[in-house]
Amino acid sequence: MGNVVAPATRDWRTIVTDTDRERLRDWRTAFVDALRAARTSGQSAEIARERGFSDDGYRVVINTNSDGGQTVFHLHVHLLAGRPFVFPPG
């Protein structure tokens, strides 16, 4: 897990996956990728509880490819909290 250099919200964490995949589209339905996805989701929920924003709510984001906002080409998850979010985003 890492901190973001210029966060757009008060609480923003990056969760790096333990995979060699570059993008979400590279994940398969293979059992090992399903386990990695579940582990990453569990880490997001655990961090939200530890940081104290689980009850208020948070957003989990995976950017894929340039048009999707991906700038680091290793699959990772953004955990955003600390303010209300609207939908659709951006």
N, C-alpha and C. Protein backbone atom coordinates (compact mmCIF):
# COMPACT_ATOMS: atom_id res chain seq x y z
N MET A 1 0.85 -1.17 0.00
CA MET A 1 0.00 0.00 0.00
C MET A 1 0.88 1.22 0.00
N GLY A 2 0.48 2.26 -0.71
CA GLY A 2 1.27 3.47 -0.75
C GLY A 2 0.42 4.71 -0.65
N ASN A 3 1.06 5.80 -0.34
CA ASN A 3 0.40 7.09 -0.32
C ASN A 3 0.54 7.74 -1.68
N VAL A 4 -0.37 8.61 -2.02
CA VAL A 4 -0.37 9.29 -3.30
C VAL A 4 0.31 10.65 -3.13
N VAL A 5 1.07 11.07 -4.11
CA VAL A 5 1.83 12.31 -4.02
C VAL A 5 0.92 13.54 -3.90
N ALA A 6 -0.09 13.66 -4.76
CA ALA A 6 -1.01 14.79 -4.72
C ALA A 6 -2.45 14.28 -4.67
N PRO A 7 -2.89 13.83 -3.50
CA PRO A 7 -4.21 13.21 -3.42
C PRO A 7 -5.35 14.18 -3.69
N ALA A 8 -6.40 13.68 -4.34
CA ALA A 8 -7.58 14.48 -4.64
C ALA A 8 -8.59 14.41 -3.50
N THR A 9 -8.30 13.65 -2.49
CA THR A 9 -9.17 13.52 -1.34
C THR A 9 -8.32 13.33 -0.10
N ARG A 10 -8.91 13.52 1.04
CA ARG A 10 -8.18 13.46 2.31
C ARG A 10 -7.55 12.08 2.52
N ASP A 11 -8.26 11.04 2.23
CA ASP A 11 -7.75 9.68 2.37
C ASP A 11 -7.71 9.01 1.01
N TRP A 12 -6.50 8.77 0.51
CA TRP A 12 -6.32 8.12 -0.79
C TRP A 12 -5.14 7.18 -0.64
N ARG A 13 -5.37 5.92 -0.83
CA ARG A 13 -4.33 4.91 -0.74
C ARG A 13 -4.28 4.15 -2.06
N THR A 14 -3.10 3.68 -2.40
CA THR A 14 -2.93 2.83 -3.57
C THR A 14 -2.55 1.45 -3.09
N ILE A 15 -3.27 0.45 -3.56
CA ILE A 15 -3.01 -0.94 -3.19
C ILE A 15 -2.43 -1.63 -4.42
N VAL A 16 -1.19 -2.05 -4.31
CA VAL A 16 -0.51 -2.70 -5.43
C VAL A 16 -0.80 -4.19 -5.36
N THR A 17 -1.19 -4.77 -6.48
CA THR A 17 -1.52 -6.19 -6.52
C THR A 17 -0.25 -7.02 -6.66
N ASP A 18 -0.35 -8.27 -6.29
CA ASP A 18 0.79 -9.19 -6.41
C ASP A 18 0.69 -9.99 -7.71
N THR A 19 0.52 -9.27 -8.79
CA THR A 19 0.38 -9.91 -10.09
C THR A 19 1.31 -9.24 -11.09
N ASP A 20 1.59 -9.96 -12.16
CA ASP A 20 2.41 -9.37 -13.21
C ASP A 20 1.53 -8.75 -14.30
N ARG A 21 0.24 -8.71 -14.06
CA ARG A 21 -0.68 -8.12 -15.03
C ARG A 21 -0.52 -6.60 -15.04
N GLU A 22 -0.65 -6.02 -16.22
CA GLU A 22 -0.52 -4.56 -16.34
C GLU A 22 -1.86 -3.85 -16.20
N ARG A 23 -2.93 -4.50 -16.63
CA ARG A 23 -4.24 -3.85 -16.69
C ARG A 23 -5.32 -4.83 -16.24
N LEU A 24 -6.45 -4.28 -15.86
CA LEU A 24 -7.58 -5.12 -15.47
C LEU A 24 -7.98 -6.04 -16.62
N ARG A 25 -7.92 -5.54 -17.84
CA ARG A 25 -8.32 -6.37 -18.99
C ARG A 25 -7.42 -7.58 -19.17
N ASP A 26 -6.22 -7.55 -18.56
CA ASP A 26 -5.31 -8.68 -18.67
C ASP A 26 -5.64 -9.80 -17.68
N TRP A 27 -6.49 -9.50 -16.70
CA TRP A 27 -6.88 -10.56 -15.77
C TRP A 27 -7.79 -11.53 -16.49
N ARG A 28 -7.72 -12.74 -16.09
CA ARG A 28 -8.55 -13.80 -16.67
C ARG A 28 -9.51 -14.31 -15.62
N THR A 29 -10.35 -15.20 -16.02
CA THR A 29 -11.25 -15.82 -15.06
C THR A 29 -10.57 -16.99 -14.36
N ALA A 30 -9.29 -17.12 -14.60
CA ALA A 30 -8.53 -18.20 -13.96
C ALA A 30 -8.64 -18.08 -12.45
N PHE A 31 -8.59 -19.20 -11.79
CA PHE A 31 -8.75 -19.26 -10.34
C PHE A 31 -7.74 -18.37 -9.62
N VAL A 32 -6.50 -18.36 -10.07
CA VAL A 32 -5.47 -17.58 -9.39
C VAL A 32 -5.77 -16.08 -9.48
N ASP A 33 -6.28 -15.59 -10.62
CA ASP A 33 -6.63 -14.18 -10.74
C ASP A 33 -7.87 -13.86 -9.90
N ALA A 34 -8.80 -14.80 -9.80
CA ALA A 34 -9.97 -14.59 -8.95
C ALA A 34 -9.55 -14.46 -7.48
N LEU A 35 -8.59 -15.26 -7.06
CA LEU A 35 -8.08 -15.15 -5.69
C LEU A 35 -7.40 -13.81 -5.47
N ARG A 36 -6.64 -13.36 -6.44
CA ARG A 36 -5.97 -12.06 -6.32
C ARG A 36 -7.00 -10.93 -6.22
N ALA A 37 -8.04 -10.98 -7.02
CA ALA A 37 -9.08 -9.96 -6.97
C ALA A 37 -9.77 -9.95 -5.62
N ALA A 38 -10.06 -11.12 -5.10
CA ALA A 38 -10.70 -11.22 -3.78
C ALA A 38 -9.78 -10.68 -2.69
N ARG A 39 -8.50 -10.99 -2.78
CA ARG A 39 -7.53 -10.51 -1.79
C ARG A 39 -7.44 -8.99 -1.83
N THR A 40 -7.39 -8.42 -3.02
CA THR A 40 -7.31 -6.97 -3.16
C THR A 40 -8.57 -6.30 -2.61
N SER A 41 -9.73 -6.86 -2.88
CA SER A 41 -10.98 -6.33 -2.33
C SER A 41 -10.98 -6.40 -0.81
N GLY A 42 -10.51 -7.50 -0.28
CA GLY A 42 -10.42 -7.66 1.17
C GLY A 42 -9.46 -6.66 1.78
N GLN A 43 -8.35 -6.40 1.11
CA GLN A 43 -7.39 -5.40 1.60
C GLN A 43 -8.03 -4.02 1.62
N SER A 44 -8.80 -3.70 0.62
CA SER A 44 -9.48 -2.40 0.57
C SER A 44 -10.40 -2.23 1.77
N ALA A 45 -11.20 -3.25 2.03
CA ALA A 45 -12.14 -3.19 3.16
C ALA A 45 -11.40 -3.11 4.49
N GLU A 46 -10.32 -3.85 4.62
CA GLU A 46 -9.53 -3.84 5.85
C GLU A 46 -8.90 -2.46 6.10
N ILE A 47 -8.35 -1.86 5.05
CA ILE A 47 -7.75 -0.54 5.18
C ILE A 47 -8.83 0.49 5.55
N ALA A 48 -9.99 0.39 4.93
CA ALA A 48 -11.09 1.31 5.25
C ALA A 48 -11.47 1.21 6.72
N ARG A 49 -11.53 0.00 7.25
CA ARG A 49 -11.84 -0.18 8.69
C ARG A 49 -10.73 0.41 9.55
N GLU A 50 -9.48 0.11 9.21
CA GLU A 50 -8.34 0.60 10.00
C GLU A 50 -8.26 2.12 9.99
N ARG A 51 -8.56 2.75 8.87
CA ARG A 51 -8.46 4.21 8.74
C ARG A 51 -9.69 4.93 9.28
N GLY A 52 -10.74 4.17 9.60
CA GLY A 52 -11.92 4.75 10.22
C GLY A 52 -12.95 5.35 9.28
N PHE A 53 -12.91 5.00 8.00
CA PHE A 53 -13.93 5.53 7.10
C PHE A 53 -14.81 4.45 6.50
N SER A 54 -14.78 3.28 7.07
CA SER A 54 -15.60 2.19 6.57
C SER A 54 -17.10 2.51 6.69
N ASP A 55 -17.50 3.08 7.81
CA ASP A 55 -18.92 3.38 8.02
C ASP A 55 -19.41 4.54 7.16
N ASP A 56 -18.55 5.55 6.95
CA ASP A 56 -18.94 6.71 6.15
C ASP A 56 -19.00 6.39 4.67
N GLY A 57 -18.16 5.50 4.22
CA GLY A 57 -18.14 5.11 2.81
C GLY A 57 -16.84 5.48 2.13
N TYR A 58 -16.58 4.80 1.04
CA TYR A 58 -15.34 4.99 0.28
C TYR A 58 -15.55 4.47 -1.13
N ARG A 59 -14.61 4.78 -1.99
CA ARG A 59 -14.67 4.33 -3.38
C ARG A 59 -13.41 3.55 -3.71
N VAL A 60 -13.56 2.45 -4.44
CA VAL A 60 -12.44 1.64 -4.91
C VAL A 60 -12.42 1.76 -6.43
N VAL A 61 -11.25 2.15 -6.98
CA VAL A 61 -11.15 2.44 -8.41
C VAL A 61 -9.98 1.68 -9.02
N ILE A 62 -10.20 1.13 -10.21
CA ILE A 62 -9.12 0.58 -11.02
C ILE A 62 -9.18 1.29 -12.37
N ASN A 63 -8.14 2.04 -12.69
CA ASN A 63 -8.06 2.71 -13.99
C ASN A 63 -7.42 1.75 -14.99
N THR A 64 -7.99 1.68 -16.19
CA THR A 64 -7.47 0.76 -17.20
C THR A 64 -7.21 1.49 -18.52
N ASN A 65 -5.96 1.45 -18.96
CA ASN A 65 -5.50 2.08 -20.19
C ASN A 65 -5.58 3.61 -20.11
N SER A 66 -5.03 4.28 -21.09
CA SER A 66 -4.89 5.74 -21.06
C SER A 66 -6.22 6.47 -20.94
N ASP A 67 -7.22 6.09 -21.74
CA ASP A 67 -8.52 6.77 -21.67
C ASP A 67 -9.21 6.54 -20.34
N GLY A 68 -8.84 5.48 -19.65
CA GLY A 68 -9.41 5.19 -18.34
C GLY A 68 -8.64 5.85 -17.21
N GLY A 69 -7.59 6.60 -17.54
CA GLY A 69 -6.84 7.31 -16.52
C GLY A 69 -5.63 6.57 -15.98
N GLN A 70 -5.29 5.42 -16.55
CA GLN A 70 -4.15 4.65 -16.05
C GLN A 70 -2.84 5.30 -16.50
N THR A 71 -1.96 5.58 -15.53
CA THR A 71 -0.65 6.16 -15.84
C THR A 71 0.48 5.26 -15.38
N VAL A 72 0.20 4.35 -14.48
CA VAL A 72 1.18 3.37 -14.01
C VAL A 72 0.70 2.01 -14.50
N PHE A 73 1.50 1.37 -15.34
CA PHE A 73 1.05 0.14 -15.98
C PHE A 73 1.48 -1.10 -15.21
N HIS A 74 0.99 -1.16 -14.00
CA HIS A 74 0.99 -2.35 -13.16
C HIS A 74 -0.35 -2.30 -12.46
N LEU A 75 -1.10 -3.38 -12.52
CA LEU A 75 -2.45 -3.39 -11.96
C LEU A 75 -2.42 -3.00 -10.49
N HIS A 76 -3.16 -1.96 -10.14
CA HIS A 76 -3.26 -1.50 -8.76
C HIS A 76 -4.64 -0.90 -8.54
N VAL A 77 -4.99 -0.71 -7.28
CA VAL A 77 -6.31 -0.24 -6.88
C VAL A 77 -6.16 1.07 -6.11
N HIS A 78 -7.04 2.02 -6.37
CA HIS A 78 -7.07 3.27 -5.61
C HIS A 78 -8.23 3.19 -4.62
N LEU A 79 -7.95 3.51 -3.38
CA LEU A 79 -8.96 3.54 -2.33
C LEU A 79 -9.14 5.00 -1.93
N LEU A 80 -10.32 5.56 -2.19
CA LEU A 80 -10.60 6.97 -1.98
C LEU A 80 -11.64 7.15 -0.89
N ALA A 81 -11.41 8.11 -0.01
CA ALA A 81 -12.38 8.40 1.06
C ALA A 81 -12.14 9.80 1.58
N GLY A 82 -12.94 10.20 2.53
CA GLY A 82 -12.72 11.49 3.18
C GLY A 82 -13.60 12.61 2.67
N ARG A 83 -14.45 12.33 1.71
CA ARG A 83 -15.40 13.32 1.21
C ARG A 83 -16.50 12.59 0.47
N PRO A 84 -17.65 13.22 0.28
CA PRO A 84 -18.72 12.58 -0.50
C PRO A 84 -18.31 12.51 -1.98
N PHE A 85 -18.69 11.44 -2.62
CA PHE A 85 -18.44 11.25 -4.05
C PHE A 85 -19.77 11.26 -4.78
N VAL A 86 -19.74 11.68 -6.03
CA VAL A 86 -20.95 11.69 -6.85
C VAL A 86 -20.77 10.69 -7.99
N PHE A 87 -21.87 10.33 -8.60
CA PHE A 87 -21.82 9.44 -9.74
C PHE A 87 -22.68 10.05 -10.84
N PRO A 88 -22.24 10.05 -12.07
CA PRO A 88 -20.98 9.49 -12.53
C PRO A 88 -19.80 10.38 -12.18
N PRO A 89 -18.63 9.76 -11.99
CA PRO A 89 -17.44 10.53 -11.65
C PRO A 89 -16.90 11.29 -12.85
N GLY A 90 -16.11 12.33 -12.57
CA GLY A 90 -15.36 13.11 -13.56
C GLY A 90 -16.06 13.35 -14.81
